[in-house]
Amino acid sequence: MIADLKPYPAMKDSGVPWLGDVPEHWEVVPNRALFHEIKDRDCPDEQMLSVTIRKGIIRQAALLEDTSKKDSSNMDRSKYKLVQPSDIAYNKMRAWQGAVGVSDYRGIISPAYVVERPRPGGDSRYFHYLLRTPAFAKEAERWSYGITSDMWSLRPEHFKMIYECLPPLPEQASIVRFLDHWDQRVRRYIRAKQKLIRLLEEQKQAIIHSAVTRGLDPDVPLKPSGVEWLGDIPEHWKLKRFKFVTQITSGQIDPRQPEYRDLVLVAPNHIESGTGCITHEETANEQGADSGKYKVEPRQIIYSKIRPNLRKAAIATKQCLCSADMYPITVKKSELHPMFLLHVLLSEPFTKYTVDCSLRVAMPKINRDALGKALVWYPSLDEQDEITSFLDKALRPYEESVQVAQREIELLREYRTRLIADVVTGKLNVREAAARLPKEPAEPEPLDEVYDLTDNDGEMVDDLDAVPEEAEA
């Protein structure tokens, strides 16, 4: 189906750089001719909606479910704006990042957001695809104003001045039908790959759990650990408090000092959940760090104290810095090898302990005292080496399979983004392809699609009212 798509026979210069050439019969008009702003208020009992970067508009209740996020909206909701199905809404301060979309629901959104209703002749779903392209995001950035990037705002009067392409209404419907149909298949494929990744991760965790709680000898005699969340451990293994076999670094440094500004700064979102892998590196200077950080030496373990359920920990391979949300940990060399302790920190039993402790505070976090009281179980140094060597070999095939699946998902997302952009701006003609599509019921998209709702930190990418609410003129 995709291979059969052809360009339009006649094109014209749109006169708008972000659109380029468009089909000759398409219009190019400013948003003031396509939308009118809606400011309906005083509906405090309506459900809360969120305008997100990855998904557009979704119900806030669904966004909050099974996360540590809390509803941070103002309790006085009389000033919140009413959104009707088929309305377009955008976050003024995140439009340049893609926080825009069509609503399938009736509900209310932050008064700092903008609600636009398409005029006759415009299909909301077509605009949803068009306004979420990377090219429009760059155009929104061009029209946004503010002192710094995190304060840039696309005001309604500037949104109205942006020019867009407008196909005839029946053609808009064909474009929407084609993209909905194709996107449904892409999401189905991605969900299948994500299910495979989850299964592979579960198998990895089962291997790690067995190795770090039982060792490699299936017939080893066991003894009760005396800890409910740990269960039995090998009879010859030691069981000690964390504070007796490690030392947690204290005392922060100023990352703006010349000797520190060019060191890599590791934060929780730089570490892949559950793997011990640092995914990317940026210096303190590149990140604009200006508050206290910890200095980390090679072979120290960096452990995230916030949201321990995400299992963020890694071994430093060189001198670096870590954020105040992490603990630099030095192991007692006569008792532990760093790699073995890393496996323990990422294991299910240890995570259960830290999560239970962190739930006692508003923001899930394991403090120094609670971490110091945690129990660490371990064999001799030689046996620790054997276990870590075994895990390195046993986990490698699973990790390679996960990487392949993740790369396939990444490539498909990139292709989807490019295809949508080409179709909604008239670079590809989908009218005949849309006419040949079979009729099929819409498939509801599950909220738990990882790529749509979370970043590599496992946290929602779109905080609820995360930016200051501007007063409207």
Protein backbone atom coordinates (compact mmCIF):
# COMPACT_ATOMS: atom_id res chain seq x y z
CA MET A 1 0.00 0.00 0.00
CA ILE A 2 2.76 2.46 0.92
CA ALA A 3 4.86 1.53 -2.10
CA ASP A 4 1.97 2.45 -4.44
CA LEU A 5 1.76 6.05 -3.24
CA LYS A 6 2.66 8.63 -5.87
CA PRO A 7 3.17 12.41 -5.83
CA TYR A 8 0.40 14.73 -6.99
CA PRO A 9 0.61 15.49 -10.73
CA ALA A 10 0.73 19.27 -10.29
CA MET A 11 2.39 21.17 -7.46
CA LYS A 12 2.84 24.83 -6.58
CA ASP A 13 5.04 26.85 -4.28
CA SER A 14 3.06 27.47 -1.10
CA GLY A 15 5.13 30.54 -0.29
CA VAL A 16 5.43 29.16 3.24
CA PRO A 17 8.87 27.70 4.06
CA TRP A 18 7.64 25.08 6.52
CA LEU A 19 5.15 23.72 3.97
CA GLY A 20 7.24 23.87 0.79
CA ASP A 21 5.45 22.82 -2.40
CA VAL A 22 1.82 21.73 -2.07
CA PRO A 23 -0.69 20.31 -4.56
CA GLU A 24 -1.86 22.93 -7.02
CA HIS A 25 -5.53 22.66 -5.99
CA TRP A 26 -4.85 23.02 -2.24
CA GLU A 27 -5.34 26.32 -0.46
CA VAL A 28 -2.75 27.98 1.74
CA VAL A 29 -4.44 30.12 4.39
CA PRO A 30 -3.68 31.59 7.83
CA ASN A 31 -5.02 29.95 10.95
CA ARG A 32 -7.33 32.89 11.58
CA ALA A 33 -9.33 31.65 8.57
CA LEU A 34 -9.29 28.05 9.80
CA PHE A 35 -10.03 28.36 13.52
CA HIS A 36 -11.77 30.55 16.03
CA GLU A 37 -10.65 30.62 19.66
CA ILE A 38 -13.00 29.21 22.32
CA LYS A 39 -12.99 30.58 25.87
CA ASP A 40 -15.92 28.76 27.47
CA ARG A 41 -15.47 28.49 31.24
CA ASP A 42 -17.36 27.90 34.48
CA CYS A 43 -17.67 24.11 34.06
CA PRO A 44 -15.77 22.98 37.18
CA ASP A 45 -17.44 19.58 37.38
CA GLU A 46 -16.28 18.39 33.97
CA GLN A 47 -13.48 15.81 33.78
CA MET A 48 -9.92 17.10 33.63
CA LEU A 49 -8.03 16.65 30.36
CA SER A 50 -4.30 16.88 29.70
CA VAL A 51 -2.60 18.20 26.54
CA THR A 52 0.43 15.96 26.14
CA ILE A 53 3.42 16.01 23.85
CA ARG A 54 3.28 12.36 22.82
CA LYS A 55 -0.46 11.69 22.63
CA GLY A 56 -2.24 15.00 22.22
CA ILE A 57 -5.31 15.29 24.46
CA ILE A 58 -6.07 12.48 26.90
CA ARG A 59 -8.07 12.11 30.11
CA GLN A 60 -6.04 13.18 33.11
CA ALA A 61 -7.40 10.28 35.18
CA ALA A 62 -5.90 7.84 32.69
CA LEU A 63 -2.60 9.72 32.74
CA LEU A 64 -2.41 9.54 36.53
CA GLU A 65 -3.35 5.89 36.82
CA ASP A 66 -0.56 3.61 38.09
CA THR A 67 1.97 6.45 38.34
CA SER A 68 3.48 8.55 41.11
CA LYS A 69 2.02 11.69 39.54
CA LYS A 70 -0.64 13.62 41.38
CA ASP A 71 -3.26 16.07 40.20
CA SER A 72 -1.47 19.41 40.48
CA SER A 73 -4.26 21.49 38.94
CA ASN A 74 -5.76 24.43 40.76
CA MET A 75 -8.65 23.35 42.97
CA ASP A 76 -10.69 26.35 41.76
CA ARG A 77 -11.61 25.06 38.34
CA SER A 78 -14.19 27.68 37.42
CA LYS A 79 -11.61 29.41 35.20
CA TYR A 80 -10.60 26.22 33.42
CA LYS A 81 -11.48 26.14 29.74
CA LEU A 82 -14.12 23.82 28.34
CA VAL A 83 -13.06 21.54 25.49
CA GLN A 84 -15.64 19.85 23.26
CA PRO A 85 -15.05 16.79 21.09
CA SER A 86 -13.31 17.81 17.83
CA ASP A 87 -11.83 20.97 19.37
CA ILE A 88 -8.10 21.55 18.96
CA ALA A 89 -6.17 22.55 22.09
CA TYR A 90 -2.53 23.37 22.68
CA ASN A 91 -0.23 24.19 25.57
CA LYS A 92 1.05 27.70 24.85
CA MET A 93 4.40 27.00 26.47
CA ARG A 94 4.89 23.58 24.88
CA ALA A 95 3.41 24.00 21.40
CA TRP A 96 6.94 24.14 20.01
CA GLN A 97 7.50 20.69 21.57
CA GLY A 98 4.34 19.19 20.08
CA ALA A 99 1.80 19.63 22.90
CA VAL A 100 -1.23 20.03 20.64
CA GLY A 101 -4.02 17.79 19.44
CA VAL A 102 -7.69 17.15 18.79
CA SER A 103 -9.94 16.15 21.68
CA ASP A 104 -12.13 13.06 21.60
CA TYR A 105 -13.66 14.09 24.92
CA ARG A 106 -15.65 16.81 26.62
CA GLY A 107 -13.71 18.17 29.57
CA ILE A 108 -11.71 21.08 30.95
CA ILE A 109 -8.07 22.08 30.62
CA SER A 110 -5.74 24.58 32.26
CA PRO A 111 -6.66 28.26 31.69
CA ALA A 112 -3.09 28.71 30.41
CA TYR A 113 -3.90 26.55 27.38
CA VAL A 114 -5.59 27.60 24.13
CA VAL A 115 -8.72 26.03 22.65
CA GLU A 116 -9.36 26.44 18.92
CA ARG A 117 -12.43 25.22 17.03
CA PRO A 118 -12.13 24.52 13.29
CA ARG A 119 -14.36 26.62 11.04
CA PRO A 120 -16.55 24.93 8.40
CA GLY A 121 -14.40 23.26 5.77
CA GLY A 122 -11.82 21.95 8.20
CA ASP A 123 -11.52 18.38 9.52
CA SER A 124 -10.26 18.29 13.13
CA ARG A 125 -8.48 14.98 12.61
CA TYR A 126 -6.61 16.35 9.60
CA PHE A 127 -5.45 19.32 11.67
CA HIS A 128 -4.45 16.94 14.47
CA TYR A 129 -2.01 15.19 12.15
CA LEU A 130 -0.78 18.42 10.54
CA LEU A 131 -0.21 20.34 13.78
CA ARG A 132 1.75 17.47 15.31
CA THR A 133 4.37 17.26 12.55
CA PRO A 134 7.98 18.24 13.39
CA ALA A 135 7.77 20.98 10.73
CA PHE A 136 4.83 22.66 12.45
CA ALA A 137 6.60 22.36 15.82
CA LYS A 138 9.51 24.32 14.34
CA GLU A 139 7.11 26.91 12.97
CA ALA A 140 5.42 27.17 16.37
CA GLU A 141 8.86 27.70 17.89
CA ARG A 142 9.52 30.51 15.43
CA TRP A 143 6.33 32.28 16.52
CA SER A 144 6.84 31.68 20.25
CA TYR A 145 8.26 34.32 22.53
CA GLY A 146 9.91 34.30 25.94
CA ILE A 147 13.08 35.01 27.87
CA THR A 148 14.27 31.38 27.86
CA SER A 149 13.20 28.24 26.00
CA ASP A 150 11.25 26.92 28.98
CA MET A 151 9.21 30.14 28.95
CA TRP A 152 8.51 30.37 25.20
CA SER A 153 4.83 30.93 24.57
CA LEU A 154 2.75 30.62 21.39
CA ARG A 155 0.03 33.16 22.02
CA PRO A 156 -3.35 32.92 20.23
CA GLU A 157 -2.73 36.11 18.26
CA HIS A 158 0.48 34.61 16.87
CA PHE A 159 -1.06 31.18 16.25
CA LYS A 160 -3.63 32.91 14.01
CA MET A 161 -0.83 34.31 11.83
CA ILE A 162 0.68 30.91 10.96
CA TYR A 163 -0.18 29.72 7.45
CA GLU A 164 -1.28 26.14 6.78
CA CYS A 165 -2.25 24.06 3.77
CA LEU A 166 -5.90 23.12 3.31
CA PRO A 167 -7.00 20.33 0.96
CA PRO A 168 -10.67 20.10 -0.11
CA LEU A 169 -12.79 18.63 2.70
CA PRO A 170 -13.34 15.22 1.00
CA GLU A 171 -9.59 14.97 0.50
CA GLN A 172 -8.99 15.78 4.17
CA ALA A 173 -11.28 12.86 5.02
CA SER A 174 -9.30 10.56 2.70
CA ILE A 175 -6.03 11.61 4.32
CA VAL A 176 -7.43 11.00 7.81
CA ARG A 177 -8.82 7.62 6.82
CA PHE A 178 -5.52 6.52 5.30
CA LEU A 179 -3.42 7.70 8.25
CA ASP A 180 -5.78 6.27 10.87
CA HIS A 181 -5.74 2.91 9.10
CA TRP A 182 -1.98 2.81 8.68
CA ASP A 183 -1.26 4.16 12.17
CA GLN A 184 -3.47 1.47 13.69
CA ARG A 185 -1.27 -1.19 12.11
CA VAL A 186 1.90 0.55 13.24
CA ARG A 187 0.64 0.67 16.83
CA ARG A 188 -0.33 -2.99 16.67
CA TYR A 189 3.18 -3.92 15.54
CA ILE A 190 4.78 -1.74 18.21
CA ARG A 191 2.62 -3.27 20.93
CA ALA A 192 3.69 -6.73 19.80
CA LYS A 193 7.36 -5.68 20.00
CA GLN A 194 6.83 -4.09 23.40
CA LYS A 195 5.19 -7.27 24.65
CA LEU A 196 8.24 -9.21 23.43
CA ILE A 197 10.54 -6.77 25.26
CA ARG A 198 8.55 -7.16 28.49
CA LEU A 199 8.77 -10.95 28.24
CA LEU A 200 12.51 -10.80 27.62
CA GLU A 201 12.97 -8.47 30.60
CA GLU A 202 10.93 -10.80 32.80
CA GLN A 203 13.12 -13.73 31.77
CA LYS A 204 16.22 -11.67 32.51
CA GLN A 205 14.89 -10.81 35.95
CA ALA A 206 14.15 -14.45 36.68
CA ILE A 207 17.76 -15.39 35.82
CA ILE A 208 19.17 -12.55 37.92
CA HIS A 209 16.88 -13.32 40.85
CA SER A 210 17.92 -16.96 40.91
CA ALA A 211 21.63 -16.17 40.64
CA VAL A 212 21.79 -13.43 43.28
CA THR A 213 19.52 -15.13 45.83
CA ARG A 214 20.47 -18.80 45.37
CA GLY A 215 23.85 -18.81 43.61
CA LEU A 216 24.70 -21.23 40.80
CA ASP A 217 24.47 -24.52 42.70
CA PRO A 218 20.85 -25.79 42.56
CA ASP A 219 21.52 -28.21 45.44
CA VAL A 220 23.03 -25.70 47.88
CA PRO A 221 21.61 -25.96 51.42
CA LEU A 222 19.45 -22.97 52.33
CA LYS A 223 18.72 -21.08 55.53
CA PRO A 224 15.96 -18.61 56.44
CA SER A 225 17.08 -15.02 55.98
CA GLY A 226 14.60 -13.86 58.58
CA VAL A 227 13.33 -11.28 56.09
CA GLU A 228 9.93 -11.79 54.50
CA TRP A 229 10.75 -9.98 51.27
CA LEU A 230 13.95 -12.03 50.78
CA GLY A 231 13.08 -15.57 51.87
CA ASP A 232 15.72 -18.31 52.09
CA ILE A 233 19.34 -17.78 51.03
CA PRO A 234 22.29 -20.21 50.72
CA GLU A 235 23.46 -21.43 54.10
CA HIS A 236 27.05 -20.16 53.71
CA TRP A 237 26.08 -16.64 52.51
CA LYS A 238 26.44 -13.56 54.71
CA LEU A 239 23.66 -11.18 55.58
CA LYS A 240 24.62 -7.67 56.72
CA ARG A 241 23.19 -4.19 56.88
CA PHE A 242 23.94 -2.01 53.87
CA LYS A 243 25.75 0.58 55.99
CA PHE A 244 28.26 -2.02 57.22
CA VAL A 245 29.42 -3.08 53.74
CA THR A 246 29.22 0.24 51.87
CA GLN A 247 29.78 3.94 52.29
CA ILE A 248 27.44 6.55 50.83
CA THR A 249 29.17 9.74 49.74
CA SER A 250 28.10 12.92 51.51
CA GLY A 251 28.99 16.53 50.81
CA GLN A 252 28.03 18.19 47.55
CA ILE A 253 30.16 20.26 45.20
CA ASP A 254 29.37 23.25 42.96
CA PRO A 255 29.27 21.97 39.33
CA ARG A 256 30.03 25.48 38.06
CA GLN A 257 33.57 25.32 39.39
CA PRO A 258 36.18 25.02 36.59
CA GLU A 259 37.41 21.59 37.75
CA TYR A 260 33.89 20.12 37.58
CA ARG A 261 32.02 21.85 34.74
CA ASP A 262 33.49 19.55 32.03
CA LEU A 263 32.80 16.32 33.93
CA VAL A 264 29.90 14.13 32.80
CA LEU A 265 26.83 14.69 34.97
CA VAL A 266 24.65 11.60 35.45
CA ALA A 267 20.99 12.00 36.41
CA PRO A 268 18.33 9.28 36.85
CA ASN A 269 16.94 9.86 33.35
CA HIS A 270 20.39 9.07 31.91
CA ILE A 271 20.19 5.48 33.19
CA GLU A 272 18.09 2.74 31.62
CA SER A 273 15.69 1.10 34.06
CA GLY A 274 16.80 -2.24 35.42
CA THR A 275 19.87 -2.70 33.20
CA GLY A 276 22.62 -0.68 34.85
CA CYS A 277 23.35 1.03 31.51
CA ILE A 278 24.05 4.75 31.17
CA THR A 279 22.27 5.69 27.96
CA HIS A 280 23.88 9.05 27.18
CA GLU A 281 26.44 11.45 28.58
CA GLU A 282 26.43 15.23 28.92
CA THR A 283 28.75 17.44 30.91
CA ALA A 284 27.61 19.60 33.81
CA ASN A 285 28.23 22.65 31.64
CA GLU A 286 26.17 21.27 28.73
CA GLN A 287 23.28 20.62 31.11
CA GLY A 288 23.52 24.07 32.67
CA ALA A 289 23.94 22.59 36.15
CA ASP A 290 23.94 25.26 38.84
CA SER A 291 23.04 23.44 42.07
CA GLY A 292 24.87 21.00 44.32
CA LYS A 293 25.99 17.66 42.87
CA TYR A 294 28.01 14.69 44.11
CA LYS A 295 31.47 13.84 42.87
CA VAL A 296 31.74 10.22 41.72
CA GLU A 297 34.92 8.18 41.40
CA PRO A 298 35.47 5.27 38.98
CA ARG A 299 33.92 1.97 40.16
CA GLN A 300 31.50 3.70 42.50
CA ILE A 301 27.86 2.72 42.14
CA ILE A 302 25.41 5.51 41.35
CA TYR A 303 21.97 4.69 42.77
CA SER A 304 18.81 6.75 42.23
CA LYS A 305 17.02 7.45 45.49
CA ILE A 306 13.86 8.75 43.81
CA ARG A 307 11.18 6.35 42.55
CA PRO A 308 13.19 3.22 43.36
CA ASN A 309 10.62 1.09 41.54
CA LEU A 310 12.35 2.23 38.33
CA ARG A 311 15.59 0.47 39.42
CA LYS A 312 18.05 3.15 38.25
CA ALA A 313 21.65 2.28 39.16
CA ALA A 314 24.97 2.04 37.32
CA ILE A 315 28.70 1.69 37.89
CA ALA A 316 30.77 4.77 37.04
CA THR A 317 33.49 3.95 34.50
CA LYS A 318 35.30 7.27 35.04
CA GLN A 319 35.30 10.27 37.31
CA CYS A 320 32.01 12.11 36.92
CA LEU A 321 29.25 13.89 38.81
CA CYS A 322 25.78 12.70 39.74
CA SER A 323 22.66 14.64 40.61
CA ALA A 324 21.47 15.18 44.17
CA ASP A 325 18.72 12.67 43.39
CA MET A 326 21.32 9.89 43.41
CA TYR A 327 23.68 8.30 45.92
CA PRO A 328 27.34 7.57 45.07
CA ILE A 329 28.12 4.28 46.85
CA THR A 330 31.53 2.79 47.61
CA VAL A 331 31.63 -0.91 48.46
CA LYS A 332 33.83 -2.41 51.16
CA LYS A 333 36.35 -4.30 49.01
CA SER A 334 36.87 -7.08 51.55
CA GLU A 335 33.15 -7.91 51.37
CA LEU A 336 31.72 -7.05 47.96
CA HIS A 337 32.47 -6.56 44.29
CA PRO A 338 30.67 -3.54 42.77
CA MET A 339 29.09 -5.59 39.98
CA PHE A 340 27.61 -8.12 42.36
CA LEU A 341 26.15 -5.37 44.53
CA LEU A 342 24.74 -3.69 41.42
CA HIS A 343 22.86 -6.90 40.60
CA VAL A 344 21.54 -6.98 44.18
CA LEU A 345 20.40 -3.35 43.97
CA LEU A 346 18.52 -4.09 40.75
CA SER A 347 17.01 -7.32 42.03
CA GLU A 348 13.35 -7.81 42.87
CA PRO A 349 13.81 -8.41 46.64
CA PHE A 350 15.94 -5.30 47.19
CA THR A 351 13.59 -3.20 45.05
CA LYS A 352 10.62 -4.40 47.10
CA TYR A 353 12.32 -3.18 50.28
CA THR A 354 13.18 0.25 48.84
CA VAL A 355 9.71 0.72 47.35
CA ASP A 356 8.07 -0.16 50.69
CA CYS A 357 10.26 2.46 52.40
CA SER A 358 9.69 5.11 49.74
CA LEU A 359 5.91 4.85 49.93
CA ARG A 360 6.00 6.50 53.33
CA VAL A 361 6.68 9.91 51.78
CA ALA A 362 4.80 12.05 49.25
CA MET A 363 7.50 11.79 46.56
CA PRO A 364 8.70 8.18 46.42
CA LYS A 365 12.27 8.30 47.70
CA ILE A 366 14.57 6.07 49.74
CA ASN A 367 16.51 8.15 52.28
CA ARG A 368 20.02 7.46 53.58
CA ASP A 369 18.87 6.02 56.88
CA ALA A 370 16.45 3.55 55.28
CA LEU A 371 19.03 2.54 52.67
CA GLY A 372 21.65 2.04 55.35
CA LYS A 373 19.32 -0.33 57.22
CA ALA A 374 18.65 -2.47 54.15
CA LEU A 375 20.00 -6.00 54.27
CA VAL A 376 22.58 -7.16 51.73
CA TRP A 377 23.11 -10.86 51.11
CA TYR A 378 26.26 -12.15 49.46
CA PRO A 379 28.72 -15.09 49.15
CA SER A 380 32.54 -15.02 49.09
CA LEU A 381 34.33 -12.73 46.65
CA ASP A 382 35.26 -15.70 44.45
CA GLU A 383 31.66 -16.85 44.24
CA GLN A 384 30.55 -13.30 43.48
CA ASP A 385 32.94 -13.33 40.51
CA GLU A 386 31.48 -16.62 39.30
CA ILE A 387 27.92 -15.28 39.55
CA THR A 388 28.67 -12.02 37.74
CA SER A 389 30.55 -13.87 34.98
CA PHE A 390 27.62 -16.25 34.58
CA LEU A 391 25.12 -13.39 34.39
CA ASP A 392 27.23 -11.51 31.86
CA LYS A 393 27.03 -14.47 29.47
CA ALA A 394 23.50 -15.62 30.31
CA LEU A 395 21.90 -12.19 29.89
CA ARG A 396 23.71 -11.18 26.71
CA PRO A 397 21.33 -12.92 24.25
CA TYR A 398 18.31 -11.35 25.96
CA GLU A 399 19.89 -7.89 25.92
CA GLU A 400 20.77 -8.22 22.25
CA SER A 401 17.20 -9.28 21.41
CA VAL A 402 15.82 -6.33 23.35
CA GLN A 403 18.13 -3.94 21.49
CA VAL A 404 16.99 -5.34 18.13
CA ALA A 405 13.31 -4.94 19.07
CA GLN A 406 13.88 -1.41 20.38
CA ARG A 407 15.69 -0.44 17.19
CA GLU A 408 12.85 -1.81 15.06
CA ILE A 409 10.37 0.26 17.05
CA GLU A 410 12.54 3.36 16.73
CA LEU A 411 12.87 2.98 12.94
CA LEU A 412 9.14 2.44 12.54
CA ARG A 413 8.36 5.55 14.59
CA GLU A 414 10.74 7.59 12.46
CA TYR A 415 9.14 6.26 9.27
CA ARG A 416 5.64 6.93 10.62
CA THR A 417 6.57 10.54 11.47
CA ARG A 418 7.97 11.10 7.99
CA LEU A 419 5.01 9.47 6.24
CA ILE A 420 2.47 11.54 8.16
CA ALA A 421 4.37 14.73 7.35
CA ASP A 422 4.54 13.88 3.64
CA VAL A 423 0.85 12.99 3.43
CA VAL A 424 -0.62 15.98 5.31
CA THR A 425 1.52 18.48 3.41
CA GLY A 426 0.70 17.01 0.01
CA LYS A 427 3.96 15.32 -0.89
CA LEU A 428 2.16 11.99 -1.39
CA ASN A 429 -1.30 11.39 -2.88
CA VAL A 430 -3.32 8.90 -0.79
CA ARG A 431 -6.79 9.39 -2.30
CA GLU A 432 -6.83 6.15 -4.30
CA ALA A 433 -5.19 4.17 -1.49
CA ALA A 434 -7.77 5.46 1.01
CA ALA A 435 -10.65 4.52 -1.32
CA ARG A 436 -9.40 0.91 -1.47
CA LEU A 437 -9.17 0.46 2.30
CA PRO A 438 -11.53 -2.08 3.88
CA LYS A 439 -13.96 -0.90 6.49
CA GLU A 440 -12.93 -2.05 9.93
CA PRO A 441 -13.79 -0.98 13.47
CA ALA A 442 -11.43 1.43 15.17
CA GLU A 443 -9.11 -0.31 17.59
CA PRO A 444 -8.82 1.48 20.94
CA GLU A 445 -5.24 2.38 21.73
CA PRO A 446 -4.06 1.16 25.14
CA LEU A 447 -2.79 3.90 27.41
CA ASP A 448 0.20 1.85 28.51
CA GLU A 449 2.06 2.08 25.20
CA VAL A 450 5.50 2.96 26.51
CA TYR A 451 6.58 5.04 23.55
CA ASP A 452 3.50 7.21 23.71
CA LEU A 453 3.43 8.16 27.37
CA THR A 454 6.81 7.85 28.96
CA ASP A 455 10.34 8.95 28.37
CA ASN A 456 13.44 6.89 29.08
CA ASP A 457 13.15 7.80 32.72
CA GLY A 458 9.88 5.93 33.01
CA GLU A 459 8.21 9.18 34.01
CA MET A 460 5.35 10.87 32.26
CA VAL A 461 6.82 13.25 29.73
CA ASP A 462 3.96 15.69 30.10
CA ASP A 463 3.65 16.91 33.67
CA LEU A 464 0.20 18.07 34.62
CA ASP A 465 0.25 21.87 34.52
CA ALA A 466 4.03 21.58 34.79
CA VAL A 467 4.59 25.12 33.56
CA PRO A 468 3.50 28.32 35.32
CA GLU A 469 0.00 29.33 34.35
CA GLU A 470 0.08 32.65 32.53
CA ALA A 471 -2.59 35.23 33.18
CA GLU A 472 -4.57 35.93 30.06
CA ALA A 473 -4.81 39.45 28.81
